[in-house]
Amino acid sequence: MAVSAILKGVRVPRLNLRTRPMTARARISALSWAVAVIALVAVAASSLNGGKAGASAFVTTGTAHASETAPEIETVRPLADPATYRRAAPAADGRPRVAVIVRGLGLSARITGGAIADLPPDVTLALSAYGRDLQKDADAARADGHEVFLDVPVEPQGYPANDAGPQALLTSLSAAENAQRLEWSMARFTGFPGLVFAPGSPALESAETMAPLFDKAGPGGLVWAHAGAKGFDGARVETAAAAVTLPASASAADADAAFERLNALARKSGAALIIVTPAPTTLTRLKIWIGALENEGIVLVPASALAVAPAS
């Protein structure tokens, strides 16, 4: 219907071909009209197929989930200066400071939406590179005041029986292959000032795996958050090392003990970071713990506020 409607509106000039042979000008005119009609038909056909023709702000670069058979999805390229996306921290006033990164978001719309809406803005939220609506989630989180990190997939313990998907950084890959995978993750959405990685990854313990990536990650300003992994020793980038981690499988008692340990470390050293993997139990206990920080004399700050510059 769309093609026929367009063609009905096209007025092609009649050429008197019986009275005399076509001049060169007439032949050019007829060819031009034919090309125009073909172009109109192509546009109409494209509109019927979902409007995929034309320029786009997106670049298709990979799959959404950890399965090799997952459909390709659209991604966006990151902007040049990640540091502009850091959330301003409260002014230092001598009280101990703690920071929280909730990683693994973006995979469950319910958990992601709940974290954005229910957690205070000074909690840093990290979106998994395998999420589907990452730019939408990042924009929503930032609109609510949150700092947003990128959760980069890495080789898990027990690999390959325990797989982390087709874009995970692996100790078995070359530096160029891991750099390509990191670039894929970093092109998933814009608006992040830092990266975070699943605790316990063998890749993070390997300086041979990680060192080449520090130079390949693009311009400065990124914070690399990790759980005290050896692969970050001597890193030429800003880092934030978590003293405590909380897995999704943690019980309520385990979560409470982890937060108490974080408080103690913050009082001892002045600041401490925890990396939390979301689950209903861990998020519930997190909200309760945050609500008690004021009475504990401890200040919650975004994760980037605890970043440490590389040694000169």
Foldseek 3Di string as FASTA:
>chain_A
DQLVVVVVPDDQDDDPPVPDHDDPVRVVSVVVSVVVSVVSNVQSVCVVVPNPDDDDQWDFDDAQAQDPPGDTATFHAEDAALQVLFADWPDDDPFFEEAEEAEAPQADPVQLVCCLPPPQQQHEYEYELNHHPVQVSLVSSVVRNHAYAYEAAAAAPPPPVDPRHDLHQYPPDAQVSVLVSLNSSNRRYYRHQEYEYDAPGPLQQDLNRCQSNLVSVHDARYEYEYAPHNNCVQHQHWYFHAVEEAEQPDALVRLVVRLVVQLVVSVVPRYHYYYYHDDVSNVVSVSVSVVCQVVVRYHYHHRVVRIDHGDD
